[in-house]
Structure formats: structure tokens, C-alpha cells
C-alpha atoms as a PDB file:
ATOM      1  CA  MET A   1     -69.694  73.781  57.805  1.00  0.00           C
ATOM      2  CA  LEU A   2     -70.851  70.411  59.197  1.00  0.00           C
ATOM      3  CA  THR A   3     -74.554  71.621  58.794  1.00  0.00           C
ATOM      4  CA  ALA A   4     -73.896  71.949  55.026  1.00  0.00           C
ATOM      5  CA  TYR A   5     -72.295  68.401  54.822  1.00  0.00           C
ATOM      6  CA  LYS A   6     -75.396  67.017  56.758  1.00  0.00           C
ATOM      7  CA  LYS A   7     -77.747  68.517  54.246  1.00  0.00           C
ATOM      8  CA  ILE A   8     -75.662  67.237  51.305  1.00  0.00           C
ATOM      9  CA  PHE A   9     -75.624  63.828  52.864  1.00  0.00           C
ATOM     10  CA  LEU A  10     -79.292  63.661  53.360  1.00  0.00           C
ATOM     11  CA  ILE A  11     -79.608  64.495  49.532  1.00  0.00           C
ATOM     12  CA  LEU A  12     -77.151  61.783  48.711  1.00  0.00           C
ATOM     13  CA  VAL A  13     -79.030  59.330  51.020  1.00  0.00           C
ATOM     14  CA  LEU A  14     -82.268  59.921  49.172  1.00  0.00           C
ATOM     15  CA  LEU A  15     -80.436  59.396  45.708  1.00  0.00           C
ATOM     16  CA  VAL A  16     -78.877  56.075  47.166  1.00  0.00           C
ATOM     17  CA  VAL A  17     -82.491  54.987  48.164  1.00  0.00           C
ATOM     18  CA  LEU A  18     -83.430  55.598  44.553  1.00  0.00           C
ATOM     19  CA  LEU A  19     -80.510  53.818  43.288  1.00  0.00           C
ATOM     20  CA  PHE A  20     -81.121  50.508  45.147  1.00  0.00           C
ATOM     21  CA  SER A  21     -84.846  50.658  44.732  1.00  0.00           C
ATOM     22  CA  SER A  22     -84.373  49.949  40.923  1.00  0.00           C
ATOM     23  CA  ASN A  23     -84.482  46.310  39.938  1.00  0.00           C
ATOM     24  CA  ASN A  24     -83.331  46.922  36.354  1.00  0.00           C
ATOM     25  CA  ALA A  25     -80.651  44.363  35.341  1.00  0.00           C
ATOM     26  CA  TYR A  26     -79.299  46.594  32.630  1.00  0.00           C
ATOM     27  CA  ALA A  27     -78.015  49.210  34.630  1.00  0.00           C
ATOM     28  CA  MET A  28     -74.448  49.966  33.713  1.00  0.00           C
ATOM     29  CA  HIS A  29     -71.979  52.124  31.757  1.00  0.00           C
ATOM     30  CA  ILE A  30     -70.482  50.321  28.673  1.00  0.00           C
ATOM     31  CA  MET A  31     -70.559  46.935  30.050  1.00  0.00           C
ATOM     32  CA  GLU A  32     -67.868  44.264  30.797  1.00  0.00           C
ATOM     33  CA  GLY A  33     -66.722  42.501  27.646  1.00  0.00           C
ATOM     34  CA  PHE A  34     -68.883  44.674  25.418  1.00  0.00           C
ATOM     35  CA  LEU A  35     -66.044  46.439  23.568  1.00  0.00           C
ATOM     36  CA  PRO A  36     -63.540  44.566  21.332  1.00  0.00           C
ATOM     37  CA  LEU A  37     -60.091  44.184  23.106  1.00  0.00           C
ATOM     38  CA  LYS A  38     -58.304  46.732  20.710  1.00  0.00           C
ATOM     39  CA  TRP A  39     -60.793  49.465  21.710  1.00  0.00           C
ATOM     40  CA  CYS A  40     -60.451  48.733  25.411  1.00  0.00           C
ATOM     41  CA  LEU A  41     -56.509  49.003  25.102  1.00  0.00           C
ATOM     42  CA  LEU A  42     -56.868  52.191  22.970  1.00  0.00           C
ATOM     43  CA  TRP A  43     -59.097  53.904  25.434  1.00  0.00           C
ATOM     44  CA  ALA A  44     -57.084  52.803  28.491  1.00  0.00           C
ATOM     45  CA  ILE A  45     -53.811  54.194  26.886  1.00  0.00           C
ATOM     46  CA  ILE A  46     -55.448  57.488  25.960  1.00  0.00           C
ATOM     47  CA  THR A  47     -56.902  57.803  29.392  1.00  0.00           C
ATOM     48  CA  LEU A  48     -53.637  57.014  31.525  1.00  0.00           C
ATOM     49  CA  PRO A  49     -51.917  60.178  31.064  1.00  0.00           C
ATOM     50  CA  PHE A  50     -54.907  62.192  32.571  1.00  0.00           C
ATOM     51  CA  ILE A  51     -54.934  59.874  35.634  1.00  0.00           C
ATOM     52  CA  ILE A  52     -51.135  60.474  36.249  1.00  0.00           C
ATOM     53  CA  PHE A  53     -51.462  64.249  35.972  1.00  0.00           C
ATOM     54  CA  GLY A  54     -54.784  64.022  38.073  1.00  0.00           C
ATOM     55  CA  LEU A  55     -52.890  62.361  40.932  1.00  0.00           C
ATOM     56  CA  LEU A  56     -50.251  65.013  40.781  1.00  0.00           C
ATOM     57  CA  SER A  57     -53.037  67.622  40.849  1.00  0.00           C
ATOM     58  CA  ILE A  58     -54.771  66.089  43.832  1.00  0.00           C
ATOM     59  CA  ASN A  59     -51.423  65.837  45.700  1.00  0.00           C
ATOM     60  CA  LYS A  60     -50.716  69.552  45.155  1.00  0.00           C
ATOM     61  CA  THR A  61     -54.084  70.608  46.147  1.00  0.00           C
ATOM     62  CA  VAL A  62     -54.243  68.563  49.266  1.00  0.00           C
ATOM     63  CA  LYS A  63     -50.717  69.590  50.154  1.00  0.00           C
ATOM     64  CA  ASN A  64     -51.441  73.386  49.711  1.00  0.00           C
ATOM     65  CA  HIS A  65     -55.069  73.200  51.089  1.00  0.00           C
ATOM     66  CA  PRO A  66     -55.281  70.324  53.590  1.00  0.00           C
ATOM     67  CA  GLU A  67     -58.674  71.621  54.792  1.00  0.00           C
ATOM     68  CA  THR A  68     -60.258  70.723  51.464  1.00  0.00           C
ATOM     69  CA  LYS A  69     -60.061  67.008  51.885  1.00  0.00           C
ATOM     70  CA  MET A  70     -63.647  66.695  52.909  1.00  0.00           C
ATOM     71  CA  LEU A  71     -64.725  68.678  49.885  1.00  0.00           C
ATOM     72  CA  LEU A  72     -62.721  66.269  47.792  1.00  0.00           C
ATOM     73  CA  GLY A  73     -64.326  63.205  49.334  1.00  0.00           C
ATOM     74  CA  LEU A  74     -67.726  64.975  48.876  1.00  0.00           C
ATOM     75  CA  ALA A  75     -67.038  65.536  45.099  1.00  0.00           C
ATOM     76  CA  GLY A  76     -66.279  61.809  44.739  1.00  0.00           C
ATOM     77  CA  ALA A  77     -69.379  60.728  46.636  1.00  0.00           C
ATOM     78  CA  PHE A  78     -71.514  63.011  44.543  1.00  0.00           C
ATOM     79  CA  ALA A  79     -70.225  61.534  41.306  1.00  0.00           C
ATOM     80  CA  PHE A  80     -70.655  58.027  42.690  1.00  0.00           C
ATOM     81  CA  VAL A  81     -74.140  58.315  43.617  1.00  0.00           C
ATOM     82  CA  LEU A  82     -75.410  60.346  40.519  1.00  0.00           C
ATOM     83  CA  SER A  83     -73.524  58.137  38.060  1.00  0.00           C
ATOM     84  CA  ALA A  84     -75.052  55.047  39.549  1.00  0.00           C
ATOM     85  CA  LEU A  85     -78.539  56.330  38.977  1.00  0.00           C
ATOM     86  CA  LYS A  86     -79.562  54.707  35.623  1.00  0.00           C
ATOM     87  CA  ILE A  87     -82.086  54.568  32.842  1.00  0.00           C
ATOM     88  CA  PRO A  88     -81.575  51.739  30.274  1.00  0.00           C
ATOM     89  CA  SER A  89     -80.915  53.386  26.814  1.00  0.00           C
ATOM     90  CA  VAL A  90     -78.932  51.365  24.307  1.00  0.00           C
ATOM     91  CA  THR A  91     -78.019  47.666  24.374  1.00  0.00           C
ATOM     92  CA  GLY A  92     -74.651  47.455  26.305  1.00  0.00           C
ATOM     93  CA  SER A  93     -75.044  50.869  27.896  1.00  0.00           C
ATOM     94  CA  CYS A  94     -77.468  53.200  29.643  1.00  0.00           C
ATOM     95  CA  SER A  95     -78.333  56.805  30.446  1.00  0.00           C
ATOM     96  CA  HIS A  96     -77.647  58.383  33.703  1.00  0.00           C
ATOM     97  CA  PRO A  97     -76.264  61.658  35.404  1.00  0.00           C
ATOM     98  CA  THR A  98     -72.401  61.792  35.689  1.00  0.00           C
ATOM     99  CA  GLY A  99     -72.019  64.073  38.760  1.00  0.00           C
ATOM    100  CA  VAL A 100     -68.481  65.252  37.544  1.00  0.00           C
ATOM    101  CA  GLY A 101     -69.411  68.681  37.023  1.00  0.00           C
ATOM    102  CA  LEU A 102     -69.290  69.710  40.745  1.00  0.00           C
ATOM    103  CA  GLY A 103     -65.766  68.248  41.290  1.00  0.00           C
ATOM    104  CA  ALA A 104     -64.437  69.719  38.181  1.00  0.00           C
ATOM    105  CA  ILE A 105     -65.520  73.166  39.292  1.00  0.00           C
ATOM    106  CA  LEU A 106     -64.109  72.744  42.603  1.00  0.00           C
ATOM    107  CA  PHE A 107     -60.724  71.011  41.965  1.00  0.00           C
ATOM    108  CA  GLY A 108     -60.236  71.104  38.170  1.00  0.00           C
ATOM    109  CA  PRO A 109     -60.640  68.561  35.444  1.00  0.00           C
ATOM    110  CA  MET A 110     -57.395  66.594  36.201  1.00  0.00           C
ATOM    111  CA  ALA A 111     -58.421  65.929  39.747  1.00  0.00           C
ATOM    112  CA  MET A 112     -61.956  64.863  38.691  1.00  0.00           C
ATOM    113  CA  SER A 113     -60.329  62.407  36.220  1.00  0.00           C
ATOM    114  CA  VAL A 114     -58.930  60.416  39.150  1.00  0.00           C
ATOM    115  CA  LEU A 115     -62.001  60.750  41.354  1.00  0.00           C
ATOM    116  CA  GLY A 116     -64.156  59.538  38.241  1.00  0.00           C
ATOM    117  CA  CYS A 117     -61.971  56.588  37.674  1.00  0.00           C
ATOM    118  CA  ILE A 118     -62.168  55.492  41.344  1.00  0.00           C
ATOM    119  CA  VAL A 119     -65.870  56.031  41.165  1.00  0.00           C
ATOM    120  CA  LEU A 120     -66.161  53.762  38.090  1.00  0.00           C
ATOM    121  CA  ILE A 121     -63.870  50.987  39.717  1.00  0.00           C
ATOM    122  CA  PHE A 122     -66.142  50.768  42.803  1.00  0.00           C
ATOM    123  CA  GLN A 123     -69.137  50.672  40.508  1.00  0.00           C
ATOM    124  CA  ALA A 124     -67.829  47.960  38.365  1.00  0.00           C
ATOM    125  CA  LEU A 125     -66.816  45.741  41.298  1.00  0.00           C
ATOM    126  CA  LEU A 126     -69.545  46.541  43.781  1.00  0.00           C
ATOM    127  CA  LEU A 127     -72.556  47.353  41.625  1.00  0.00           C
ATOM    128  CA  ALA A 128     -71.809  45.519  38.350  1.00  0.00           C
ATOM    129  CA  HIS A 129     -72.045  48.798  36.534  1.00  0.00           C
ATOM    130  CA  GLY A 130     -69.575  49.113  33.647  1.00  0.00           C
ATOM    131  CA  GLY A 131     -66.563  46.764  33.895  1.00  0.00           C
ATOM    132  CA  ILE A 132     -62.850  46.521  34.259  1.00  0.00           C
ATOM    133  CA  THR A 133     -61.946  45.805  30.558  1.00  0.00           C
ATOM    134  CA  THR A 134     -64.112  48.927  29.616  1.00  0.00           C
ATOM    135  CA  LEU A 135     -62.773  51.101  32.398  1.00  0.00           C
ATOM    136  CA  GLY A 136     -60.575  53.074  30.035  1.00  0.00           C
ATOM    137  CA  ALA A 137     -63.502  53.827  27.751  1.00  0.00           C
ATOM    138  CA  ASN A 138     -65.725  54.711  30.489  1.00  0.00           C
ATOM    139  CA  THR A 139     -63.266  56.881  32.322  1.00  0.00           C
ATOM    140  CA  PHE A 140     -62.409  58.794  29.081  1.00  0.00           C
ATOM    141  CA  SER A 141     -66.052  59.641  28.380  1.00  0.00           C
ATOM    142  CA  MET A 142     -67.170  60.382  32.043  1.00  0.00           C
ATOM    143  CA  ALA A 143     -64.087  61.269  33.860  1.00  0.00           C
ATOM    144  CA  VAL A 144     -62.034  62.994  31.251  1.00  0.00           C
ATOM    145  CA  VAL A 145     -64.272  64.595  28.672  1.00  0.00           C
ATOM    146  CA  GLY A 146     -66.919  65.458  31.112  1.00  0.00           C
ATOM    147  CA  PRO A 147     -64.827  67.310  33.757  1.00  0.00           C
ATOM    148  CA  PHE A 148     -62.926  69.181  31.042  1.00  0.00           C
ATOM    149  CA  VAL A 149     -66.078  70.361  29.466  1.00  0.00           C
ATOM    150  CA  ALA A 150     -67.446  71.364  32.828  1.00  0.00           C
ATOM    151  CA  TYR A 151     -64.402  73.200  33.864  1.00  0.00           C
ATOM    152  CA  GLY A 152     -64.084  74.940  30.429  1.00  0.00           C
ATOM    153  CA  VAL A 153     -67.788  76.072  30.377  1.00  0.00           C
ATOM    154  CA  TYR A 154     -67.599  77.297  34.012  1.00  0.00           C
ATOM    155  CA  LYS A 155     -64.541  79.399  33.418  1.00  0.00           C
ATOM    156  CA  LEU A 156     -65.923  80.763  30.116  1.00  0.00           C
ATOM    157  CA  SER A 157     -69.191  81.648  31.744  1.00  0.00           C
ATOM    158  CA  GLN A 158     -67.586  83.424  34.597  1.00  0.00           C
ATOM    159  CA  ARG A 159     -65.296  85.361  32.028  1.00  0.00           C
ATOM    160  CA  LEU A 160     -68.538  86.373  30.165  1.00  0.00           C
ATOM    161  CA  LYS A 161     -69.951  87.705  33.639  1.00  0.00           C
ATOM    162  CA  ALA A 162     -72.687  85.136  33.670  1.00  0.00           C
ATOM    163  CA  PRO A 163     -74.567  84.587  36.963  1.00  0.00           C
ATOM    164  CA  LEU A 164     -72.832  82.115  39.078  1.00  0.00           C
ATOM    165  CA  TRP A 165     -75.763  79.730  39.221  1.00  0.00           C
ATOM    166  CA  LEU A 166     -75.986  79.841  35.447  1.00  0.00           C
ATOM    167  CA  SER A 167     -72.262  79.024  35.036  1.00  0.00           C
ATOM    168  CA  VAL A 168     -72.650  76.098  37.476  1.00  0.00           C
ATOM    169  CA  PHE A 169     -75.779  74.883  35.745  1.00  0.00           C
ATOM    170  CA  LEU A 170     -74.410  74.980  32.233  1.00  0.00           C
ATOM    171  CA  ALA A 171     -71.271  73.413  33.456  1.00  0.00           C
ATOM    172  CA  ALA A 172     -72.853  70.297  34.908  1.00  0.00           C
ATOM    173  CA  ALA A 173     -75.454  69.975  32.197  1.00  0.00           C
ATOM    174  CA  LEU A 174     -73.125  70.373  29.285  1.00  0.00           C
ATOM    175  CA  ALA A 175     -70.582  67.964  30.850  1.00  0.00           C
ATOM    176  CA  ASP A 176     -73.383  65.299  31.146  1.00  0.00           C
ATOM    177  CA  LEU A 177     -74.442  65.603  27.511  1.00  0.00           C
ATOM    178  CA  LEU A 178     -70.733  65.643  26.120  1.00  0.00           C
ATOM    179  CA  THR A 179     -70.111  62.569  28.132  1.00  0.00           C
ATOM    180  CA  TYR A 180     -72.833  60.715  26.141  1.00  0.00           C
ATOM    181  CA  ILE A 181     -71.852  62.086  22.838  1.00  0.00           C
ATOM    182  CA  VAL A 182     -68.424  60.546  23.419  1.00  0.00           C
ATOM    183  CA  THR A 183     -70.006  57.388  24.617  1.00  0.00           C
ATOM    184  CA  ALA A 184     -71.904  57.340  21.409  1.00  0.00           C
ATOM    185  CA  LEU A 185     -68.702  58.056  19.472  1.00  0.00           C
ATOM    186  CA  GLN A 186     -66.981  55.165  21.267  1.00  0.00           C
ATOM    187  CA  LEU A 187     -69.868  52.651  20.499  1.00  0.00           C
ATOM    188  CA  ALA A 188     -70.071  53.864  16.823  1.00  0.00           C
ATOM    189  CA  LEU A 189     -66.302  53.342  16.286  1.00  0.00           C
ATOM    190  CA  ALA A 190     -66.453  49.908  17.742  1.00  0.00           C
ATOM    191  CA  PHE A 191     -69.676  48.828  15.954  1.00  0.00           C
ATOM    192  CA  PRO A 192     -70.107  50.699  12.729  1.00  0.00           C
ATOM    193  CA  ALA A 193     -73.463  50.114  10.812  1.00  0.00           C
ATOM    194  CA  GLU A 194     -73.474  47.707   7.907  1.00  0.00           C
ATOM    195  CA  ILE A 195     -75.150  50.468   5.872  1.00  0.00           C
ATOM    196  CA  GLY A 196     -73.747  53.900   6.456  1.00  0.00           C
ATOM    197  CA  GLY A 197     -70.796  52.739   8.569  1.00  0.00           C
ATOM    198  CA  PHE A 198     -69.645  55.046  11.450  1.00  0.00           C
ATOM    199  CA  THR A 199     -71.753  57.975  10.582  1.00  0.00           C
ATOM    200  CA  ALA A 200     -75.018  56.022  10.575  1.00  0.00           C
ATOM    201  CA  SER A 201     -74.022  54.232  13.787  1.00  0.00           C
ATOM    202  CA  PHE A 202     -73.145  57.465  15.544  1.00  0.00           C
ATOM    203  CA  ALA A 203     -76.413  59.091  14.591  1.00  0.00           C
ATOM    204  CA  LYS A 204     -78.286  56.157  15.809  1.00  0.00           C
ATOM    205  CA  PHE A 205     -76.566  56.016  19.224  1.00  0.00           C
ATOM    206  CA  THR A 206     -76.837  59.805  19.778  1.00  0.00           C
ATOM    207  CA  GLY A 207     -80.548  59.813  18.886  1.00  0.00           C
ATOM    208  CA  ILE A 208     -81.419  57.145  21.320  1.00  0.00           C
ATOM    209  CA  PHE A 209     -79.340  58.548  24.156  1.00  0.00           C
ATOM    210  CA  ALA A 210     -81.018  62.049  23.457  1.00  0.00           C
ATOM    211  CA  LEU A 211     -84.261  60.807  24.622  1.00  0.00           C
ATOM    212  CA  THR A 212     -83.287  60.234  28.089  1.00  0.00           C
ATOM    213  CA  GLN A 213     -80.131  62.153  28.478  1.00  0.00           C
ATOM    214  CA  ILE A 214     -81.343  65.723  27.788  1.00  0.00           C
ATOM    215  CA  PRO A 215     -83.758  65.744  30.656  1.00  0.00           C
ATOM    216  CA  LEU A 216     -81.255  63.939  32.851  1.00  0.00           C
ATOM    217  CA  ALA A 217     -78.638  66.749  32.035  1.00  0.00           C
ATOM    218  CA  VAL A 218     -81.058  69.506  32.995  1.00  0.00           C
ATOM    219  CA  SER A 219     -81.937  67.688  36.255  1.00  0.00           C
ATOM    220  CA  GLU A 220     -78.246  67.265  37.016  1.00  0.00           C
ATOM    221  CA  GLY A 221     -77.516  70.880  36.369  1.00  0.00           C
ATOM    222  CA  LEU A 222     -80.306  72.082  38.719  1.00  0.00           C
ATOM    223  CA  LEU A 223     -79.108  69.611  41.492  1.00  0.00           C
ATOM    224  CA  THR A 224     -75.585  70.768  40.989  1.00  0.00           C
ATOM    225  CA  VAL A 225     -76.684  74.331  41.632  1.00  0.00           C
ATOM    226  CA  ILE A 226     -78.474  73.284  44.780  1.00  0.00           C
ATOM    227  CA  ILE A 227     -75.344  71.567  46.237  1.00  0.00           C
ATOM    228  CA  PHE A 228     -72.969  74.405  44.934  1.00  0.00           C
ATOM    229  CA  ASN A 229     -75.308  76.889  46.723  1.00  0.00           C
ATOM    230  CA  LEU A 230     -75.024  75.094  49.973  1.00  0.00           C
ATOM    231  CA  LEU A 231     -71.259  75.061  49.719  1.00  0.00           C
ATOM    232  CA  THR A 232     -71.156  78.785  49.067  1.00  0.00           C
ATOM    233  CA  VAL A 233     -73.140  79.432  52.145  1.00  0.00           C
ATOM    234  CA  TYR A 234     -71.011  77.026  54.573  1.00  0.00           C
ATOM    235  CA  ASN A 235     -67.842  76.712  52.852  1.00  0.00           C
ATOM    236  CA  LYS A 236     -66.983  80.094  51.470  1.00  0.00           C
ATOM    237  CA  GLN A 237     -63.417  80.102  52.679  1.00  0.00           C
ATOM    238  CA  GLU A 238     -62.442  76.805  51.129  1.00  0.00           C
ATOM    239  CA  LEU A 239     -63.964  77.949  47.830  1.00  0.00           C
ATOM    240  CA  ARG A 240     -62.096  81.139  47.846  1.00  0.00           C
ATOM    241  CA  GLU A 241     -58.899  79.427  48.568  1.00  0.00           C
ATOM    242  CA  LEU A 242     -59.518  77.045  45.673  1.00  0.00           C
ATOM    243  CA  ALA A 243     -60.131  80.197  43.411  1.00  0.00           C
ATOM    244  CA  VAL A 244     -63.678  78.930  42.646  1.00  0.00           C
ATOM    245  CA  ILE A 245     -65.450  82.057  43.670  1.00  0.00           C
ATOM    246  CA  SER A 246     -64.606  85.533  44.594  1.00  0.00           C
ATOM    247  CA  PRO A 247     -66.267  87.618  47.382  1.00  0.00           C
ATOM    248  CA  GLU A 248     -68.495  89.436  44.926  1.00  0.00           C
ATOM    249  CA  ASP A 249     -69.971  86.227  43.715  1.00  0.00           C
ATOM    250  CA  ILE A 250     -71.915  85.356  46.833  1.00  0.00           C
ATOM    251  CA  SER A 251     -74.080  86.887  49.489  1.00  0.00           C
ATOM    252  CA  SER A 252     -74.973  85.663  52.945  1.00  0.00           C
ATOM    253  CA  LYS A 253     -77.635  83.449  51.353  1.00  0.00           C
ATOM    254  CA  GLY A 254     -75.396  81.773  48.852  1.00  0.00           C
ATOM    255  CA  VAL A 255     -75.215  81.923  45.101  1.00  0.00           C
ATOM    256  CA  LYS A 256     -76.339  85.313  43.612  1.00  0.00           C
ATOM    257  CA  ILE A 257     -79.156  84.663  41.199  1.00  0.00           C
END
């Protein structure tokens, strides 16, 4: 099991090198002070129930399966590193992977809401990515909508008997894309266009995000499959206890293709 974590750690280290090798000053989620106060408060209020239920979900999982604590930390670290890799996209925001798909598959969307919120707090304080006033909006898009999409897509794909690798890929990639659709929605609501209003603004934001986010979503899906494959090789028991996989889903070499 430690061998798997070492391999994943090396992958994350490489991503961290990429992260800190960037000199771009516009790397952030929706940045501090960018949204009007009323929208900051609204998104914070909407997000709060998910955080509360997420804490209860994590507490239950850790209590019933204490051996999964390291996996929980891994899911948070994976989201932190991936969501800190950035490509400037729209003034006041940026495009980047989200990394929430893996945690949502492993622990469910509620737990990932808490992990995602913690990730965003650390990024705001340590990396100046995002902000505290916009924490509610960023948490809702990346740590609420993203995980619920990932979890729903994964469960639906498994019910439809899709290959496990494809289920993981679609879950991670679509969670990434839907996160940015919601981000575009948030920006369009706060800043409707003078001509065309919300609709025109939403179309503009989604169009600009799509240029960078679609290839990023595909890349995130592939990377998540690689990490998930390592976990199925070295952490079979934990994944079975979490009801993520069944014995027929995997072979001695990992995810069945």
C-alpha cells in the first residue's frame, strides 16, 4: 500500500513543480473582492448546508472505516495540487483542473465539499488563488457542483455497466466542465452584459472558458484514471469497504479496460 502512495506522491510532486514554476500573476479562482457583496453572501449561504452535512459524512466514514484516513488526505492533496495549476482565461478568474472527481468517487460528494472548501481556504491564504470573500462562490462551483456531478456520473456509468476506467474518466472530466459552467453562471449573474443581459454574458464566459477547459478536463480525466488504477492495485480492501468497487471490477493489474 505504501508503494502506491509513493507513486502518487511522486506524481503530485511533479505537479507541484509545474505549479510553482509558473510566474503568471493572474492565477486564481474568482478573485478576492471581484464579486459584489450580495453575491458573496448568497453563495456562502447556499454552500453552508453542504459543508455541515459533509462534516457529518466524513465523521461517519472515519468512524466506520478509520483505515481510510490516508485515502481521505490523498483526495484532499490531489484536489489541492490540481486546482492550483492554472491557465488565465477570463478577467477575474482562470482555467485549471479541479481534482474533485477522485474524492467524490471515493467518499461521496458531501465529504468532498468539505475537502474542497479546505483546499480553497489554503489556496486563498497561501497562494493568493481565489479569496475569502469569494470562498462561498468558489466552493459552490468547485466543491459542491463538481463532486455531485462526478459522483452521479460514476454511479450512472456503473449502473449502465460501463468499463470502470471509462466511469472514472467521465466522472472526473464532466465534473471539471460543469464546475466552469457554474463559474460562468456566477460571473454572468453578477455582471450581465449591457446588451443581451445575462444570456449574452453567460455565452461570453462559457465560450472563453471552453478554449482552455475542454482539453484540461480530458487531461484531468486521464490523470484521475491513472491514480485510481494505482489505488485499485494497492488499496483494494479500502475501496471495497467504501463500496467504490466490487471484486469483479478489478484484476491483479488494476482497473479492467
